[in-house]
């Protein structure tokens, strides 16, 4: 097996995700010390996962902090009024801190995912606390909290789908970086080496204007081939097209419905396989 075959085998992604066997870990670490190309591929894969984690990060509602603080004050007032119902706070705190240390230790190599998961967990817990407090919540607030919880569940489902793709050894990942006019734009192509199906994660692209749509192109033998139209509903889990061979991928902004040829001045990102 040559270097390129070793890199494309999926062992690097398995190593980063913690799925590699002890033997595979030892071999990869040894190879990285002696092969600059494998080392560079490892660092690129790490950056790719970090970009994905950043893209999936969820900002909690701006008023969440004040809601949690008010809830804490209400609980403290209640405890003063009814001391016989006090809770052993120190024991609960110690238990929570112990659990947090275990979680942090197990995920120390995945800090971006730990941050994203922690934010989602905080929002979920806060939502449950307020939803159970029926005496102080009106119907409108309950509906808003239910909608927030549903949204966070959908975000977590999308993240799990992407993690499944990263752990699939048959999945080739191609990072698309912004061109000169769109340096901040990024996207990720997932190309199944067995089925030849192409999936696209384009959440780091600007929202398409009304009447416009992003179109994926595969570059085969120097010629652009239509690789499908992108929509938010398809992101990362619905195949856009079946591409047998390609040397690169690119994305252009086209009129809704797509074009037979790419509009070069509207190209946003491009990346080699």
C-alpha atoms as a PDB file:
ATOM      1  CA  UNK A   1       0.000   0.000   0.000  1.00  0.00           C
ATOM      2  CA  UNK A   2       1.524   3.338  -1.044  1.00  0.00           C
ATOM      3  CA  UNK A   3       1.192   6.638   0.834  1.00  0.00           C
ATOM      4  CA  UNK A   4      -1.874   7.911  -1.049  1.00  0.00           C
ATOM      5  CA  UNK A   5      -3.718   4.609  -0.582  1.00  0.00           C
ATOM      6  CA  UNK A   6      -2.868   4.646   3.118  1.00  0.00           C
ATOM      7  CA  UNK A   7      -4.186   8.209   3.524  1.00  0.00           C
ATOM      8  CA  UNK A   8      -7.410   7.442   1.636  1.00  0.00           C
ATOM      9  CA  UNK A   9      -8.019   4.218   3.574  1.00  0.00           C
ATOM     10  CA  UNK A  10      -9.846   6.103   6.333  1.00  0.00           C
ATOM     11  CA  UNK A  11      -7.384   5.192   9.092  1.00  0.00           C
ATOM     12  CA  UNK A  12      -6.623   8.850   9.832  1.00  0.00           C
ATOM     13  CA  UNK A  13     -10.305   9.695  10.389  1.00  0.00           C
ATOM     14  CA  UNK A  14     -10.765   6.536  12.502  1.00  0.00           C
ATOM     15  CA  UNK A  15      -7.751   7.549  14.612  1.00  0.00           C
ATOM     16  CA  UNK A  16      -9.104  11.062  15.237  1.00  0.00           C
ATOM     17  CA  UNK A  17     -12.585   9.751  16.097  1.00  0.00           C
ATOM     18  CA  UNK A  18     -11.127   7.158  18.495  1.00  0.00           C
ATOM     19  CA  UNK A  19     -12.268   4.135  16.464  1.00  0.00           C
ATOM     20  CA  UNK A  20      -8.822   2.820  15.495  1.00  0.00           C
ATOM     21  CA  UNK A  21      -7.476  -0.335  17.153  1.00  0.00           C
ATOM     22  CA  UNK A  22      -4.327  -0.147  19.353  1.00  0.00           C
ATOM     23  CA  UNK A  23      -2.328  -1.736  16.547  1.00  0.00           C
ATOM     24  CA  UNK A  24      -3.604   0.790  13.980  1.00  0.00           C
ATOM     25  CA  UNK A  25      -2.873   3.655  16.384  1.00  0.00           C
ATOM     26  CA  UNK A  26       0.711   2.497  16.880  1.00  0.00           C
ATOM     27  CA  UNK A  27       1.319   2.100  13.146  1.00  0.00           C
ATOM     28  CA  UNK A  28      -0.169   5.502  12.262  1.00  0.00           C
ATOM     29  CA  UNK A  29       1.803   7.346  14.939  1.00  0.00           C
ATOM     30  CA  UNK A  30       4.991   5.689  13.720  1.00  0.00           C
ATOM     31  CA  UNK A  31       4.207   6.529  10.077  1.00  0.00           C
ATOM     32  CA  UNK A  32       3.456  10.190  10.925  1.00  0.00           C
ATOM     33  CA  UNK A  33       6.898  10.535  12.523  1.00  0.00           C
ATOM     34  CA  UNK A  34       8.603   9.387   9.346  1.00  0.00           C
ATOM     35  CA  UNK A  35       6.261  10.518   6.568  1.00  0.00           C
ATOM     36  CA  UNK A  36       5.569  14.233   6.134  1.00  0.00           C
ATOM     37  CA  UNK A  37       2.729  13.615   3.660  1.00  0.00           C
ATOM     38  CA  UNK A  38       0.798  11.447   6.118  1.00  0.00           C
ATOM     39  CA  UNK A  39       1.475  13.960   8.904  1.00  0.00           C
ATOM     40  CA  UNK A  40       0.086  16.781   6.718  1.00  0.00           C
ATOM     41  CA  UNK A  41      -3.004  14.713   5.883  1.00  0.00           C
ATOM     42  CA  UNK A  42      -3.579  14.102   9.603  1.00  0.00           C
ATOM     43  CA  UNK A  43      -3.382  17.838  10.410  1.00  0.00           C
ATOM     44  CA  UNK A  44      -5.732  18.658   7.530  1.00  0.00           C
ATOM     45  CA  UNK A  45      -8.272  16.106   8.784  1.00  0.00           C
ATOM     46  CA  UNK A  46      -8.091  17.626  12.276  1.00  0.00           C
ATOM     47  CA  UNK A  47      -8.740  21.115  10.889  1.00  0.00           C
ATOM     48  CA  UNK A  48     -11.630  19.785   8.824  1.00  0.00           C
ATOM     49  CA  UNK A  49     -13.339  18.363  11.912  1.00  0.00           C
ATOM     50  CA  UNK A  50     -12.754  21.589  13.835  1.00  0.00           C
ATOM     51  CA  UNK A  51     -14.353  23.592  11.001  1.00  0.00           C
ATOM     52  CA  UNK A  52     -17.358  21.293  11.157  1.00  0.00           C
ATOM     53  CA  UNK A  53     -17.666  21.660  14.921  1.00  0.00           C
ATOM     54  CA  UNK A  54     -17.475  25.448  14.606  1.00  0.00           C
ATOM     55  CA  UNK A  55     -20.113  25.442  11.890  1.00  0.00           C
ATOM     56  CA  UNK A  56     -22.446  23.386  14.120  1.00  0.00           C
ATOM     57  CA  UNK A  57     -21.889  25.471  17.253  1.00  0.00           C
ATOM     58  CA  UNK A  58     -25.189  26.803  18.584  1.00  0.00           C
ATOM     59  CA  UNK A  59     -25.471  30.163  20.328  1.00  0.00           C
ATOM     60  CA  UNK A  60     -27.832  29.985  23.325  1.00  0.00           C
ATOM     61  CA  UNK A  61     -30.716  32.503  23.529  1.00  0.00           C
ATOM     62  CA  UNK A  62     -29.625  35.930  24.806  1.00  0.00           C
ATOM     63  CA  UNK A  63     -32.064  35.822  27.736  1.00  0.00           C
ATOM     64  CA  UNK A  64     -31.148  32.296  28.856  1.00  0.00           C
ATOM     65  CA  UNK A  65     -28.655  33.482  31.492  1.00  0.00           C
ATOM     66  CA  UNK A  66     -31.195  35.761  33.190  1.00  0.00           C
ATOM     67  CA  UNK A  67     -33.849  33.008  33.157  1.00  0.00           C
ATOM     68  CA  UNK A  68     -31.511  30.541  34.849  1.00  0.00           C
ATOM     69  CA  UNK A  69     -30.448  33.147  37.430  1.00  0.00           C
ATOM     70  CA  UNK A  70     -34.089  33.992  38.251  1.00  0.00           C
ATOM     71  CA  UNK A  71     -34.830  30.295  38.652  1.00  0.00           C
ATOM     72  CA  UNK A  72     -31.916  29.892  41.080  1.00  0.00           C
ATOM     73  CA  UNK A  73     -33.126  32.860  43.151  1.00  0.00           C
ATOM     74  CA  UNK A  74     -36.652  31.392  43.263  1.00  0.00           C
ATOM     75  CA  UNK A  75     -35.278  28.052  44.494  1.00  0.00           C
ATOM     76  CA  UNK A  76     -33.183  29.787  47.172  1.00  0.00           C
ATOM     77  CA  UNK A  77     -36.216  31.736  48.399  1.00  0.00           C
ATOM     78  CA  UNK A  78     -38.255  28.535  48.520  1.00  0.00           C
ATOM     79  CA  UNK A  79     -35.546  26.746  50.553  1.00  0.00           C
ATOM     80  CA  UNK A  80     -35.490  29.568  53.141  1.00  0.00           C
ATOM     81  CA  UNK A  81     -39.255  29.369  53.517  1.00  0.00           C
ATOM     82  CA  UNK A  82     -39.326  25.574  53.833  1.00  0.00           C
ATOM     83  CA  UNK A  83     -36.027  24.367  55.354  1.00  0.00           C
ATOM     84  CA  UNK A  84     -37.419  20.845  55.944  1.00  0.00           C
ATOM     85  CA  UNK A  85     -37.403  20.358  52.169  1.00  0.00           C
ATOM     86  CA  UNK A  86     -33.790  21.418  51.706  1.00  0.00           C
ATOM     87  CA  UNK A  87     -31.640  19.436  49.325  1.00  0.00           C
ATOM     88  CA  UNK A  88     -28.126  18.178  49.997  1.00  0.00           C
ATOM     89  CA  UNK A  89     -26.541  20.635  47.582  1.00  0.00           C
ATOM     90  CA  UNK A  90     -22.870  19.804  48.310  1.00  0.00           C
ATOM     91  CA  UNK A  91     -23.374  16.110  47.496  1.00  0.00           C
ATOM     92  CA  UNK A  92     -25.163  16.957  44.217  1.00  0.00           C
ATOM     93  CA  UNK A  93     -22.469  19.454  43.308  1.00  0.00           C
ATOM     94  CA  UNK A  94     -19.698  16.940  43.977  1.00  0.00           C
ATOM     95  CA  UNK A  95     -21.507  14.344  41.908  1.00  0.00           C
ATOM     96  CA  UNK A  96     -21.932  16.819  39.044  1.00  0.00           C
ATOM     97  CA  UNK A  97     -18.300  17.923  39.202  1.00  0.00           C
ATOM     98  CA  UNK A  98     -17.142  14.285  39.155  1.00  0.00           C
ATOM     99  CA  UNK A  99     -19.287  13.557  36.097  1.00  0.00           C
ATOM    100  CA  UNK A 100     -17.983  16.659  34.352  1.00  0.00           C
ATOM    101  CA  UNK A 101     -14.364  15.627  34.978  1.00  0.00           C
ATOM    102  CA  UNK A 102     -15.065  12.195  33.460  1.00  0.00           C
ATOM    103  CA  UNK A 103     -16.695  13.738  30.395  1.00  0.00           C
ATOM    104  CA  UNK A 104     -13.862  16.238  29.875  1.00  0.00           C
ATOM    105  CA  UNK A 105     -11.183  13.543  30.284  1.00  0.00           C
ATOM    106  CA  UNK A 106     -12.859  11.214  27.768  1.00  0.00           C
ATOM    107  CA  UNK A 107     -13.284  13.983  25.214  1.00  0.00           C
ATOM    108  CA  UNK A 108     -10.084  15.994  25.716  1.00  0.00           C
ATOM    109  CA  UNK A 109      -9.016  15.270  22.159  1.00  0.00           C
ATOM    110  CA  UNK A 110     -12.336  16.559  20.847  1.00  0.00           C
ATOM    111  CA  UNK A 111     -12.568  19.992  22.464  1.00  0.00           C
ATOM    112  CA  UNK A 112     -14.658  21.571  19.660  1.00  0.00           C
ATOM    113  CA  UNK A 113     -17.281  18.819  19.918  1.00  0.00           C
ATOM    114  CA  UNK A 114     -17.233  18.983  23.714  1.00  0.00           C
ATOM    115  CA  UNK A 115     -17.967  22.715  23.543  1.00  0.00           C
ATOM    116  CA  UNK A 116     -20.795  22.281  21.051  1.00  0.00           C
ATOM    117  CA  UNK A 117     -22.303  19.381  22.999  1.00  0.00           C
ATOM    118  CA  UNK A 118     -22.031  21.295  26.299  1.00  0.00           C
ATOM    119  CA  UNK A 119     -23.937  24.261  24.853  1.00  0.00           C
ATOM    120  CA  UNK A 120     -26.655  21.968  23.522  1.00  0.00           C
ATOM    121  CA  UNK A 121     -26.861  20.164  26.875  1.00  0.00           C
ATOM    122  CA  UNK A 122     -27.144  23.471  28.787  1.00  0.00           C
ATOM    123  CA  UNK A 123     -29.986  24.661  26.558  1.00  0.00           C
ATOM    124  CA  UNK A 124     -31.792  21.338  26.879  1.00  0.00           C
ATOM    125  CA  UNK A 125     -31.526  21.310  30.695  1.00  0.00           C
ATOM    126  CA  UNK A 126     -32.628  24.931  30.966  1.00  0.00           C
ATOM    127  CA  UNK A 127     -35.594  24.235  28.696  1.00  0.00           C
ATOM    128  CA  UNK A 128     -36.681  21.244  30.782  1.00  0.00           C
ATOM    129  CA  UNK A 129     -36.441  23.210  34.053  1.00  0.00           C
ATOM    130  CA  UNK A 130     -38.687  25.973  32.784  1.00  0.00           C
ATOM    131  CA  UNK A 131     -41.116  23.610  31.100  1.00  0.00           C
ATOM    132  CA  UNK A 132     -41.653  21.749  34.398  1.00  0.00           C
ATOM    133  CA  UNK A 133     -42.235  24.985  36.256  1.00  0.00           C
ATOM    134  CA  UNK A 134     -45.879  25.208  35.162  1.00  0.00           C
ATOM    135  CA  UNK A 135     -46.867  27.544  37.991  1.00  0.00           C
ATOM    136  CA  UNK A 136     -44.723  30.411  36.684  1.00  0.00           C
ATOM    137  CA  UNK A 137     -44.845  29.798  32.902  1.00  0.00           C
ATOM    138  CA  UNK A 138     -47.640  30.870  30.617  1.00  0.00           C
ATOM    139  CA  UNK A 139     -48.706  29.060  27.448  1.00  0.00           C
ATOM    140  CA  UNK A 140     -46.749  31.372  25.141  1.00  0.00           C
ATOM    141  CA  UNK A 141     -43.472  30.814  26.978  1.00  0.00           C
ATOM    142  CA  UNK A 142     -44.068  27.059  27.028  1.00  0.00           C
ATOM    143  CA  UNK A 143     -44.581  27.060  23.266  1.00  0.00           C
ATOM    144  CA  UNK A 144     -41.361  29.013  22.706  1.00  0.00           C
ATOM    145  CA  UNK A 145     -39.376  26.647  24.908  1.00  0.00           C
ATOM    146  CA  UNK A 146     -40.833  23.629  23.108  1.00  0.00           C
ATOM    147  CA  UNK A 147     -39.811  25.148  19.770  1.00  0.00           C
ATOM    148  CA  UNK A 148     -36.283  25.796  21.088  1.00  0.00           C
ATOM    149  CA  UNK A 149     -35.977  22.207  22.293  1.00  0.00           C
ATOM    150  CA  UNK A 150     -37.130  20.859  18.931  1.00  0.00           C
ATOM    151  CA  UNK A 151     -34.599  23.041  17.122  1.00  0.00           C
ATOM    152  CA  UNK A 152     -31.727  21.858  19.338  1.00  0.00           C
ATOM    153  CA  UNK A 153     -32.746  18.230  18.806  1.00  0.00           C
ATOM    154  CA  UNK A 154     -32.643  18.787  15.047  1.00  0.00           C
ATOM    155  CA  UNK A 155     -29.173  20.369  15.319  1.00  0.00           C
ATOM    156  CA  UNK A 156     -27.911  17.414  17.344  1.00  0.00           C
ATOM    157  CA  UNK A 157     -29.367  14.992  14.777  1.00  0.00           C
ATOM    158  CA  UNK A 158     -27.517  16.794  11.980  1.00  0.00           C
ATOM    159  CA  UNK A 159     -24.259  16.673  13.917  1.00  0.00           C
ATOM    160  CA  UNK A 160     -24.660  12.937  14.514  1.00  0.00           C
ATOM    161  CA  UNK A 161     -25.232  12.417  10.793  1.00  0.00           C
ATOM    162  CA  UNK A 162     -21.983  14.217   9.999  1.00  0.00           C
ATOM    163  CA  UNK A 163     -20.090  12.230  12.620  1.00  0.00           C
ATOM    164  CA  UNK A 164     -21.380   9.021  11.029  1.00  0.00           C
ATOM    165  CA  UNK A 165     -19.955  10.207   7.709  1.00  0.00           C
ATOM    166  CA  UNK A 166     -16.580  11.017   9.258  1.00  0.00           C
ATOM    167  CA  UNK A 167     -16.376   7.542  10.801  1.00  0.00           C
ATOM    168  CA  UNK A 168     -17.307   5.804   7.524  1.00  0.00           C
ATOM    169  CA  UNK A 169     -14.024   4.487   6.013  1.00  0.00           C
ATOM    170  CA  UNK A 170     -15.589   4.523   2.523  1.00  0.00           C
ATOM    171  CA  UNK A 171     -16.290   8.262   2.706  1.00  0.00           C
ATOM    172  CA  UNK A 172     -13.821  10.598   0.995  1.00  0.00           C
ATOM    173  CA  UNK A 173     -13.857  14.135   2.417  1.00  0.00           C
ATOM    174  CA  UNK A 174     -12.910  17.064   0.186  1.00  0.00           C
ATOM    175  CA  UNK A 175     -12.497  20.508   1.757  1.00  0.00           C
ATOM    176  CA  UNK A 176     -13.599  23.388  -0.501  1.00  0.00           C
ATOM    177  CA  UNK A 177     -12.009  26.746   0.320  1.00  0.00           C
ATOM    178  CA  UNK A 178     -13.168  30.209  -0.696  1.00  0.00           C
ATOM    179  CA  UNK A 179     -11.854  31.747  -3.917  1.00  0.00           C
ATOM    180  CA  UNK A 180     -10.372  35.254  -4.106  1.00  0.00           C
ATOM    181  CA  UNK A 181     -13.708  37.118  -3.917  1.00  0.00           C
ATOM    182  CA  UNK A 182     -15.115  34.891  -1.146  1.00  0.00           C
ATOM    183  CA  UNK A 183     -12.166  34.052   1.106  1.00  0.00           C
ATOM    184  CA  UNK A 184     -14.357  33.369   4.171  1.00  0.00           C
ATOM    185  CA  UNK A 185     -16.558  30.826   2.394  1.00  0.00           C
ATOM    186  CA  UNK A 186     -16.061  27.109   3.052  1.00  0.00           C
ATOM    187  CA  UNK A 187     -17.841  23.867   2.224  1.00  0.00           C
ATOM    188  CA  UNK A 188     -17.247  20.128   2.535  1.00  0.00           C
ATOM    189  CA  UNK A 189     -17.926  17.404  -0.027  1.00  0.00           C
ATOM    190  CA  UNK A 190     -18.512  13.848   1.210  1.00  0.00           C
ATOM    191  CA  UNK A 191     -17.861  11.389  -1.630  1.00  0.00           C
ATOM    192  CA  UNK A 192     -18.758   7.740  -1.050  1.00  0.00           C
ATOM    193  CA  UNK A 193     -16.013   5.697  -2.724  1.00  0.00           C
ATOM    194  CA  UNK A 194     -18.286   2.632  -3.023  1.00  0.00           C
ATOM    195  CA  UNK A 195     -21.599   4.073  -4.186  1.00  0.00           C
ATOM    196  CA  UNK A 196     -20.016   7.183  -5.826  1.00  0.00           C
ATOM    197  CA  UNK A 197     -22.756   9.312  -4.245  1.00  0.00           C
ATOM    198  CA  UNK A 198     -21.850  12.911  -3.408  1.00  0.00           C
ATOM    199  CA  UNK A 199     -23.127  14.758  -0.333  1.00  0.00           C
ATOM    200  CA  UNK A 200     -22.513  18.411   0.505  1.00  0.00           C
ATOM    201  CA  UNK A 201     -22.165  20.372   3.741  1.00  0.00           C
ATOM    202  CA  UNK A 202     -22.484  24.052   2.787  1.00  0.00           C
ATOM    203  CA  UNK A 203     -23.523  25.722   6.036  1.00  0.00           C
ATOM    204  CA  UNK A 204     -20.466  28.000   5.888  1.00  0.00           C
ATOM    205  CA  UNK A 205     -21.631  29.557   2.624  1.00  0.00           C
ATOM    206  CA  UNK A 206     -23.648  32.804   2.696  1.00  0.00           C
ATOM    207  CA  UNK A 207     -27.398  32.333   2.423  1.00  0.00           C
ATOM    208  CA  UNK A 208     -28.371  32.287  -1.246  1.00  0.00           C
ATOM    209  CA  UNK A 209     -30.409  35.334  -2.370  1.00  0.00           C
ATOM    210  CA  UNK A 210     -34.031  34.826  -3.354  1.00  0.00           C
ATOM    211  CA  UNK A 211     -34.298  33.219  -6.779  1.00  0.00           C
ATOM    212  CA  UNK A 212     -30.710  31.906  -6.620  1.00  0.00           C
ATOM    213  CA  UNK A 213     -29.310  28.507  -5.656  1.00  0.00           C
ATOM    214  CA  UNK A 214     -25.903  26.942  -5.065  1.00  0.00           C
ATOM    215  CA  UNK A 215     -24.815  24.323  -7.618  1.00  0.00           C
ATOM    216  CA  UNK A 216     -22.076  21.744  -7.077  1.00  0.00           C
ATOM    217  CA  UNK A 217     -19.707  20.896  -9.932  1.00  0.00           C
ATOM    218  CA  UNK A 218     -17.291  17.982 -10.293  1.00  0.00           C
ATOM    219  CA  UNK A 219     -14.197  18.616 -12.407  1.00  0.00           C
ATOM    220  CA  UNK A 220     -13.554  15.538 -14.575  1.00  0.00           C
ATOM    221  CA  UNK A 221     -10.614  15.633 -16.993  1.00  0.00           C
ATOM    222  CA  UNK A 222     -10.627  19.423 -16.804  1.00  0.00           C
ATOM    223  CA  UNK A 223     -14.332  19.745 -17.622  1.00  0.00           C
ATOM    224  CA  UNK A 224     -17.112  20.786 -15.189  1.00  0.00           C
ATOM    225  CA  UNK A 225     -19.885  18.229 -14.651  1.00  0.00           C
ATOM    226  CA  UNK A 226     -23.147  19.056 -12.887  1.00  0.00           C
ATOM    227  CA  UNK A 227     -23.041  17.401  -9.439  1.00  0.00           C
ATOM    228  CA  UNK A 228     -26.432  18.587  -8.204  1.00  0.00           C
ATOM    229  CA  UNK A 229     -28.313  21.494  -6.654  1.00  0.00           C
ATOM    230  CA  UNK A 230     -27.892  22.283  -2.967  1.00  0.00           C
ATOM    231  CA  UNK A 231     -30.712  22.993  -0.513  1.00  0.00           C
ATOM    232  CA  UNK A 232     -30.594  23.252   3.283  1.00  0.00           C
ATOM    233  CA  UNK A 233     -32.882  20.217   3.532  1.00  0.00           C
ATOM    234  CA  UNK A 234     -30.315  18.086   1.665  1.00  0.00           C
ATOM    235  CA  UNK A 235     -27.323  19.276   3.689  1.00  0.00           C
ATOM    236  CA  UNK A 236     -24.991  16.364   4.497  1.00  0.00           C
ATOM    237  CA  UNK A 237     -27.595  13.569   4.419  1.00  0.00           C
ATOM    238  CA  UNK A 238     -29.221  13.520   0.956  1.00  0.00           C
ATOM    239  CA  UNK A 239     -27.025  12.697  -2.049  1.00  0.00           C
ATOM    240  CA  UNK A 240     -26.887  15.448  -4.689  1.00  0.00           C
ATOM    241  CA  UNK A 241     -25.565  13.260  -7.521  1.00  0.00           C
ATOM    242  CA  UNK A 242     -23.588  10.166  -8.495  1.00  0.00           C
ATOM    243  CA  UNK A 243     -20.047  11.054  -9.607  1.00  0.00           C
ATOM    244  CA  UNK A 244     -17.863   8.164 -10.842  1.00  0.00           C
ATOM    245  CA  UNK A 245     -14.666  10.204 -11.125  1.00  0.00           C
ATOM    246  CA  UNK A 246     -13.423  13.703 -10.321  1.00  0.00           C
ATOM    247  CA  UNK A 247     -10.185  15.588  -9.751  1.00  0.00           C
ATOM    248  CA  UNK A 248     -11.814  18.549  -7.972  1.00  0.00           C
ATOM    249  CA  UNK A 249     -15.133  20.041  -6.855  1.00  0.00           C
ATOM    250  CA  UNK A 250     -16.443  23.620  -6.989  1.00  0.00           C
ATOM    251  CA  UNK A 251     -19.618  25.524  -6.100  1.00  0.00           C
ATOM    252  CA  UNK A 252     -21.196  28.394  -8.018  1.00  0.00           C
ATOM    253  CA  UNK A 253     -24.261  30.519  -7.355  1.00  0.00           C
ATOM    254  CA  UNK A 254     -26.795  30.065 -10.158  1.00  0.00           C
ATOM    255  CA  UNK A 255     -30.383  30.937 -10.924  1.00  0.00           C
ATOM    256  CA  UNK A 256     -32.802  28.676  -9.060  1.00  0.00           C
ATOM    257  CA  UNK A 257     -32.967  25.325 -10.820  1.00  0.00           C
ATOM    258  CA  UNK A 258     -29.354  25.363 -11.970  1.00  0.00           C
ATOM    259  CA  UNK A 259     -27.340  25.917 -15.133  1.00  0.00           C
ATOM    260  CA  UNK A 260     -25.828  23.724 -17.850  1.00  0.00           C
ATOM    261  CA  UNK A 261     -22.474  25.468 -17.450  1.00  0.00           C
ATOM    262  CA  UNK A 262     -20.979  27.128 -14.359  1.00  0.00           C
ATOM    263  CA  UNK A 263     -21.042  30.906 -14.026  1.00  0.00           C
ATOM    264  CA  UNK A 264     -17.357  31.406 -13.292  1.00  0.00           C
ATOM    265  CA  UNK A 265     -17.711  34.922 -11.849  1.00  0.00           C
ATOM    266  CA  UNK A 266     -20.152  33.477  -9.292  1.00  0.00           C
ATOM    267  CA  UNK A 267     -17.796  30.740  -8.046  1.00  0.00           C
ATOM    268  CA  UNK A 268     -17.555  30.677  -4.240  1.00  0.00           C
ATOM    269  CA  UNK A 269     -15.382  27.690  -3.292  1.00  0.00           C
ATOM    270  CA  UNK A 270     -13.184  25.052  -4.899  1.00  0.00           C
ATOM    271  CA  UNK A 271     -11.029  22.135  -3.719  1.00  0.00           C
ATOM    272  CA  UNK A 272      -8.947  19.337  -5.212  1.00  0.00           C
ATOM    273  CA  UNK A 273      -9.551  15.665  -4.443  1.00  0.00           C
END
